[in-house]
Amino acid sequence: MAKLKKMYCYNRCSTCAKARNWLNQNNVTFEEIDIVGTPPTKEELLKLIKEGNYPLRYFFNTSGIHYRELGLKDKVSSMSAEEASELLANDGKLIKRPLMIEDNHFTCGFKVDVYEKEWL
């Protein structure tokens, strides 16, 4: 039996609201978790980074203020998975959201076509 899907999101994020509405309209059961107050752990993120076939940039909220303030545009490509997971776990606003996780399966961000393929 699969675990309940977890959706890490930020309550003032319009993309998270769109994802939440889509999930509810499609009767997808999930647990909503505040990505700022309770971000995924370093270990959880490291596992996703290592198991996913994505560049590190995929996990970062590249439009975010914290991302720009820290000058991460030029730093992410040279980071190790361990460095990136620690940075992301310490600041949930750096994580691209919503982050949907179910067991070893996950997506970052919200696109209807991706959600239809991955979460239905």
N, C-alpha and C. Protein backbone atom coordinates (compact mmCIF):
# COMPACT_ATOMS: atom_id res chain seq x y z
N MET A 1 0.84 -1.19 0.00
CA MET A 1 0.00 0.00 0.00
C MET A 1 0.88 1.25 0.00
N ALA A 2 0.60 2.17 -0.91
CA ALA A 2 1.38 3.40 -1.01
C ALA A 2 1.07 4.32 0.16
N LYS A 3 2.07 5.09 0.52
CA LYS A 3 1.87 6.09 1.56
C LYS A 3 1.03 7.23 1.00
N LEU A 4 0.46 8.02 1.89
CA LEU A 4 -0.30 9.19 1.49
C LEU A 4 0.64 10.18 0.80
N LYS A 5 0.17 10.75 -0.27
CA LYS A 5 0.97 11.76 -0.97
C LYS A 5 1.14 12.96 -0.06
N LYS A 6 2.32 13.54 -0.09
CA LYS A 6 2.60 14.76 0.68
C LYS A 6 2.80 15.90 -0.31
N MET A 7 2.12 17.01 -0.06
CA MET A 7 2.31 18.20 -0.88
C MET A 7 2.90 19.29 0.02
N TYR A 8 4.17 19.58 -0.22
CA TYR A 8 4.82 20.68 0.49
C TYR A 8 4.50 21.95 -0.28
N CYS A 9 3.89 22.92 0.40
CA CYS A 9 3.50 24.15 -0.28
C CYS A 9 3.56 25.34 0.67
N TYR A 10 3.40 26.50 0.08
CA TYR A 10 3.42 27.77 0.81
C TYR A 10 2.05 28.39 0.63
N ASN A 11 1.42 28.80 1.73
CA ASN A 11 0.02 29.24 1.66
C ASN A 11 -0.21 30.49 0.83
N ARG A 12 0.82 31.28 0.56
CA ARG A 12 0.64 32.50 -0.24
C ARG A 12 1.11 32.30 -1.68
N CYS A 13 1.33 31.06 -2.07
CA CYS A 13 1.83 30.74 -3.40
C CYS A 13 0.66 30.41 -4.33
N SER A 14 0.51 31.17 -5.42
CA SER A 14 -0.60 30.93 -6.34
C SER A 14 -0.43 29.61 -7.09
N THR A 15 0.80 29.19 -7.35
CA THR A 15 1.03 27.91 -8.02
C THR A 15 0.59 26.76 -7.11
N CYS A 16 0.86 26.89 -5.83
CA CYS A 16 0.42 25.86 -4.87
C CYS A 16 -1.11 25.80 -4.82
N ALA A 17 -1.76 26.96 -4.88
CA ALA A 17 -3.23 27.00 -4.87
C ALA A 17 -3.79 26.31 -6.10
N LYS A 18 -3.17 26.52 -7.26
CA LYS A 18 -3.61 25.85 -8.49
C LYS A 18 -3.45 24.34 -8.37
N ALA A 19 -2.32 23.91 -7.83
CA ALA A 19 -2.07 22.48 -7.65
C ALA A 19 -3.08 21.88 -6.68
N ARG A 20 -3.31 22.56 -5.58
CA ARG A 20 -4.27 22.09 -4.56
C ARG A 20 -5.66 21.93 -5.18
N ASN A 21 -6.09 22.94 -5.94
CA ASN A 21 -7.40 22.88 -6.59
C ASN A 21 -7.48 21.72 -7.57
N TRP A 22 -6.42 21.53 -8.36
CA TRP A 22 -6.40 20.44 -9.34
C TRP A 22 -6.48 19.09 -8.63
N LEU A 23 -5.70 18.92 -7.58
CA LEU A 23 -5.72 17.66 -6.83
C LEU A 23 -7.11 17.39 -6.25
N ASN A 24 -7.72 18.41 -5.67
CA ASN A 24 -9.06 18.25 -5.09
C ASN A 24 -10.10 17.93 -6.17
N GLN A 25 -10.04 18.62 -7.31
CA GLN A 25 -10.98 18.38 -8.40
C GLN A 25 -10.84 16.97 -8.96
N ASN A 26 -9.64 16.41 -8.88
CA ASN A 26 -9.38 15.07 -9.41
C ASN A 26 -9.39 14.00 -8.32
N ASN A 27 -9.91 14.38 -7.14
CA ASN A 27 -10.07 13.44 -6.02
C ASN A 27 -8.78 12.72 -5.65
N VAL A 28 -7.68 13.46 -5.68
CA VAL A 28 -6.39 12.92 -5.26
C VAL A 28 -6.22 13.25 -3.78
N THR A 29 -6.04 12.25 -2.97
CA THR A 29 -5.88 12.43 -1.53
C THR A 29 -4.42 12.78 -1.22
N PHE A 30 -4.22 13.81 -0.41
CA PHE A 30 -2.86 14.24 -0.07
C PHE A 30 -2.85 14.92 1.28
N GLU A 31 -1.67 14.95 1.86
CA GLU A 31 -1.45 15.69 3.11
C GLU A 31 -0.72 16.97 2.74
N GLU A 32 -1.24 18.10 3.16
CA GLU A 32 -0.60 19.38 2.86
C GLU A 32 0.33 19.76 4.01
N ILE A 33 1.56 20.12 3.65
CA ILE A 33 2.58 20.46 4.65
C ILE A 33 3.16 21.83 4.30
N ASP A 34 3.28 22.69 5.30
CA ASP A 34 3.85 24.02 5.11
C ASP A 34 5.34 23.89 4.82
N ILE A 35 5.75 24.26 3.62
CA ILE A 35 7.13 24.10 3.19
C ILE A 35 8.09 25.02 3.94
N VAL A 36 7.57 26.11 4.50
CA VAL A 36 8.41 27.04 5.25
C VAL A 36 8.55 26.58 6.70
N GLY A 37 7.45 26.24 7.33
CA GLY A 37 7.47 25.82 8.73
C GLY A 37 8.01 24.41 8.94
N THR A 38 7.75 23.54 7.99
CA THR A 38 8.16 22.13 8.09
C THR A 38 8.71 21.65 6.75
N PRO A 39 9.86 22.18 6.34
CA PRO A 39 10.41 21.74 5.05
C PRO A 39 10.86 20.28 5.11
N PRO A 40 11.01 19.65 3.95
CA PRO A 40 11.54 18.29 3.96
C PRO A 40 12.92 18.28 4.61
N THR A 41 13.30 17.16 5.18
CA THR A 41 14.61 17.06 5.83
C THR A 41 15.72 16.96 4.79
N LYS A 42 16.92 17.21 5.25
CA LYS A 42 18.09 17.08 4.37
C LYS A 42 18.13 15.67 3.79
N GLU A 43 17.86 14.67 4.61
CA GLU A 43 17.91 13.28 4.17
C GLU A 43 16.85 13.00 3.10
N GLU A 44 15.63 13.51 3.31
CA GLU A 44 14.57 13.32 2.31
C GLU A 44 14.95 13.97 0.98
N LEU A 45 15.45 15.19 1.06
CA LEU A 45 15.83 15.91 -0.15
C LEU A 45 17.00 15.25 -0.86
N LEU A 46 17.97 14.81 -0.09
CA LEU A 46 19.14 14.15 -0.67
C LEU A 46 18.71 12.88 -1.42
N LYS A 47 17.79 12.15 -0.84
CA LYS A 47 17.27 10.94 -1.49
C LYS A 47 16.60 11.29 -2.82
N LEU A 48 15.77 12.34 -2.82
CA LEU A 48 15.10 12.76 -4.05
C LEU A 48 16.11 13.22 -5.10
N ILE A 49 17.08 14.00 -4.66
CA ILE A 49 18.09 14.51 -5.59
C ILE A 49 18.87 13.36 -6.22
N LYS A 50 19.25 12.40 -5.39
CA LYS A 50 20.06 11.29 -5.90
C LYS A 50 19.24 10.32 -6.75
N GLU A 51 17.97 10.11 -6.42
CA GLU A 51 17.15 9.16 -7.15
C GLU A 51 16.49 9.76 -8.38
N GLY A 52 16.30 11.08 -8.36
CA GLY A 52 15.68 11.73 -9.50
C GLY A 52 16.69 11.94 -10.61
N ASN A 53 16.22 12.03 -11.80
CA ASN A 53 17.10 12.23 -12.95
C ASN A 53 16.99 13.70 -13.39
N TYR A 54 17.26 14.60 -12.45
CA TYR A 54 17.10 16.03 -12.71
C TYR A 54 18.35 16.78 -12.29
N PRO A 55 18.63 17.90 -12.94
CA PRO A 55 19.72 18.75 -12.45
C PRO A 55 19.31 19.37 -11.11
N LEU A 56 20.29 19.78 -10.32
CA LEU A 56 19.99 20.39 -9.01
C LEU A 56 19.05 21.58 -9.14
N ARG A 57 19.19 22.34 -10.20
CA ARG A 57 18.37 23.53 -10.41
C ARG A 57 16.87 23.21 -10.37
N TYR A 58 16.50 21.99 -10.76
CA TYR A 58 15.09 21.58 -10.77
C TYR A 58 14.44 21.73 -9.40
N PHE A 59 15.20 21.58 -8.34
CA PHE A 59 14.68 21.59 -6.98
C PHE A 59 14.58 23.00 -6.39
N PHE A 60 15.17 23.98 -7.05
CA PHE A 60 15.23 25.34 -6.50
C PHE A 60 14.14 26.23 -7.06
N ASN A 61 13.61 27.09 -6.20
CA ASN A 61 12.65 28.12 -6.58
C ASN A 61 13.46 29.27 -7.17
N THR A 62 13.77 29.16 -8.46
CA THR A 62 14.66 30.13 -9.10
C THR A 62 14.04 31.51 -9.23
N SER A 63 12.73 31.64 -9.03
CA SER A 63 12.07 32.95 -9.07
C SER A 63 12.02 33.61 -7.71
N GLY A 64 12.44 32.90 -6.69
CA GLY A 64 12.29 33.38 -5.33
C GLY A 64 13.29 34.45 -4.91
N ILE A 65 12.87 35.25 -3.96
CA ILE A 65 13.70 36.33 -3.42
C ILE A 65 14.95 35.76 -2.75
N HIS A 66 14.79 34.71 -1.95
CA HIS A 66 15.95 34.13 -1.24
C HIS A 66 16.97 33.60 -2.23
N TYR A 67 16.51 32.98 -3.30
CA TYR A 67 17.40 32.44 -4.34
C TYR A 67 18.25 33.57 -4.93
N ARG A 68 17.59 34.68 -5.23
CA ARG A 68 18.31 35.84 -5.81
C ARG A 68 19.22 36.49 -4.78
N GLU A 69 18.73 36.66 -3.55
CA GLU A 69 19.54 37.30 -2.51
C GLU A 69 20.83 36.53 -2.24
N LEU A 70 20.76 35.21 -2.31
CA LEU A 70 21.93 34.38 -2.05
C LEU A 70 22.81 34.19 -3.29
N GLY A 71 22.40 34.77 -4.41
CA GLY A 71 23.19 34.65 -5.64
C GLY A 71 23.36 33.22 -6.10
N LEU A 72 22.31 32.41 -5.94
CA LEU A 72 22.43 30.98 -6.22
C LEU A 72 22.47 30.65 -7.71
N LYS A 73 22.06 31.58 -8.55
CA LYS A 73 22.07 31.32 -9.99
C LYS A 73 23.44 30.82 -10.45
N ASP A 74 24.49 31.41 -9.92
CA ASP A 74 25.84 31.06 -10.33
C ASP A 74 26.49 30.01 -9.43
N LYS A 75 25.79 29.59 -8.39
CA LYS A 75 26.38 28.66 -7.42
C LYS A 75 25.82 27.24 -7.50
N VAL A 76 24.56 27.10 -7.88
CA VAL A 76 23.89 25.79 -7.84
C VAL A 76 24.61 24.75 -8.69
N SER A 77 25.06 25.15 -9.86
CA SER A 77 25.68 24.17 -10.78
C SER A 77 26.96 23.56 -10.22
N SER A 78 27.60 24.24 -9.29
CA SER A 78 28.85 23.70 -8.73
C SER A 78 28.65 23.07 -7.35
N MET A 79 27.41 23.03 -6.87
CA MET A 79 27.12 22.43 -5.56
C MET A 79 27.08 20.92 -5.64
N SER A 80 27.40 20.28 -4.53
CA SER A 80 27.19 18.84 -4.42
C SER A 80 25.74 18.60 -4.02
N ALA A 81 25.27 17.39 -4.18
CA ALA A 81 23.92 17.03 -3.76
C ALA A 81 23.75 17.26 -2.26
N GLU A 82 24.80 16.97 -1.49
CA GLU A 82 24.74 17.17 -0.04
C GLU A 82 24.61 18.64 0.32
N GLU A 83 25.39 19.49 -0.35
CA GLU A 83 25.31 20.94 -0.09
C GLU A 83 23.93 21.47 -0.45
N ALA A 84 23.42 21.07 -1.59
CA ALA A 84 22.12 21.55 -2.04
C ALA A 84 21.01 21.09 -1.09
N SER A 85 21.04 19.83 -0.69
CA SER A 85 19.98 19.32 0.19
C SER A 85 20.00 20.01 1.55
N GLU A 86 21.18 20.32 2.04
CA GLU A 86 21.28 21.03 3.32
C GLU A 86 20.73 22.44 3.20
N LEU A 87 21.09 23.13 2.14
CA LEU A 87 20.60 24.49 1.91
C LEU A 87 19.08 24.51 1.77
N LEU A 88 18.54 23.60 0.99
CA LEU A 88 17.09 23.53 0.78
C LEU A 88 16.35 23.18 2.06
N ALA A 89 16.88 22.24 2.83
CA ALA A 89 16.23 21.83 4.08
C ALA A 89 16.21 22.94 5.12
N ASN A 90 17.17 23.85 5.04
CA ASN A 90 17.25 24.95 6.00
C ASN A 90 16.43 26.17 5.60
N ASP A 91 15.92 26.20 4.37
CA ASP A 91 15.11 27.33 3.92
C ASP A 91 14.09 26.84 2.91
N GLY A 92 12.90 26.52 3.40
CA GLY A 92 11.84 25.99 2.54
C GLY A 92 11.47 26.88 1.38
N LYS A 93 11.71 28.20 1.51
CA LYS A 93 11.38 29.10 0.41
C LYS A 93 12.32 28.93 -0.78
N LEU A 94 13.42 28.22 -0.58
CA LEU A 94 14.33 27.95 -1.70
C LEU A 94 13.86 26.78 -2.55
N ILE A 95 12.93 25.98 -2.03
CA ILE A 95 12.47 24.78 -2.74
C ILE A 95 11.38 25.15 -3.74
N LYS A 96 11.53 24.63 -4.95
CA LYS A 96 10.49 24.84 -5.96
C LYS A 96 9.22 24.17 -5.47
N ARG A 97 8.12 24.89 -5.55
CA ARG A 97 6.88 24.39 -4.98
C ARG A 97 5.74 24.42 -5.99
N PRO A 98 4.75 23.61 -5.73
CA PRO A 98 4.67 22.62 -4.67
C PRO A 98 5.59 21.43 -4.95
N LEU A 99 6.03 20.82 -3.89
CA LEU A 99 6.82 19.59 -3.97
C LEU A 99 5.88 18.46 -3.55
N MET A 100 5.56 17.59 -4.51
CA MET A 100 4.69 16.44 -4.25
C MET A 100 5.55 15.21 -4.11
N ILE A 101 5.31 14.43 -3.06
CA ILE A 101 6.09 13.22 -2.81
C ILE A 101 5.15 12.08 -2.43
N GLU A 102 5.40 10.92 -3.01
CA GLU A 102 4.74 9.69 -2.60
C GLU A 102 5.78 8.58 -2.73
N ASP A 103 6.19 8.04 -1.61
CA ASP A 103 7.26 7.04 -1.58
C ASP A 103 8.50 7.61 -2.29
N ASN A 104 8.95 6.97 -3.36
CA ASN A 104 10.13 7.44 -4.10
C ASN A 104 9.76 8.26 -5.32
N HIS A 105 8.50 8.61 -5.44
CA HIS A 105 7.99 9.33 -6.60
C HIS A 105 7.77 10.79 -6.21
N PHE A 106 8.15 11.74 -7.08
CA PHE A 106 7.98 13.14 -6.73
C PHE A 106 7.93 14.03 -7.97
N THR A 107 7.39 15.23 -7.78
CA THR A 107 7.44 16.29 -8.79
C THR A 107 7.65 17.62 -8.07
N CYS A 108 8.29 18.55 -8.76
CA CYS A 108 8.45 19.92 -8.26
C CYS A 108 7.70 20.84 -9.21
N GLY A 109 7.01 21.82 -8.64
CA GLY A 109 6.25 22.75 -9.47
C GLY A 109 4.90 22.16 -9.84
N PHE A 110 4.14 22.91 -10.64
CA PHE A 110 2.82 22.44 -11.07
C PHE A 110 2.60 22.73 -12.53
N LYS A 111 2.38 21.67 -13.28
CA LYS A 111 1.95 21.74 -14.68
C LYS A 111 0.88 20.68 -14.83
N VAL A 112 -0.26 21.05 -15.39
CA VAL A 112 -1.40 20.13 -15.49
C VAL A 112 -1.00 18.84 -16.19
N ASP A 113 -0.30 18.93 -17.32
CA ASP A 113 0.05 17.71 -18.05
C ASP A 113 0.94 16.78 -17.24
N VAL A 114 1.85 17.35 -16.46
CA VAL A 114 2.72 16.53 -15.60
C VAL A 114 1.90 15.88 -14.49
N TYR A 115 1.02 16.65 -13.86
CA TYR A 115 0.19 16.10 -12.78
C TYR A 115 -0.73 15.00 -13.31
N GLU A 116 -1.30 15.20 -14.51
CA GLU A 116 -2.17 14.17 -15.09
C GLU A 116 -1.39 12.87 -15.28
N LYS A 117 -0.17 12.99 -15.74
CA LYS A 117 0.65 11.81 -16.00
C LYS A 117 1.15 11.17 -14.70
N GLU A 118 1.56 11.99 -13.75
CA GLU A 118 2.23 11.49 -12.55
C GLU A 118 1.32 11.18 -11.37
N TRP A 119 0.19 11.87 -11.24
CA TRP A 119 -0.59 11.75 -10.01
C TRP A 119 -2.00 11.19 -10.18
N LEU A 120 -2.39 10.85 -11.40
CA LEU A 120 -3.71 10.22 -11.58
C LEU A 120 -3.57 8.72 -11.72
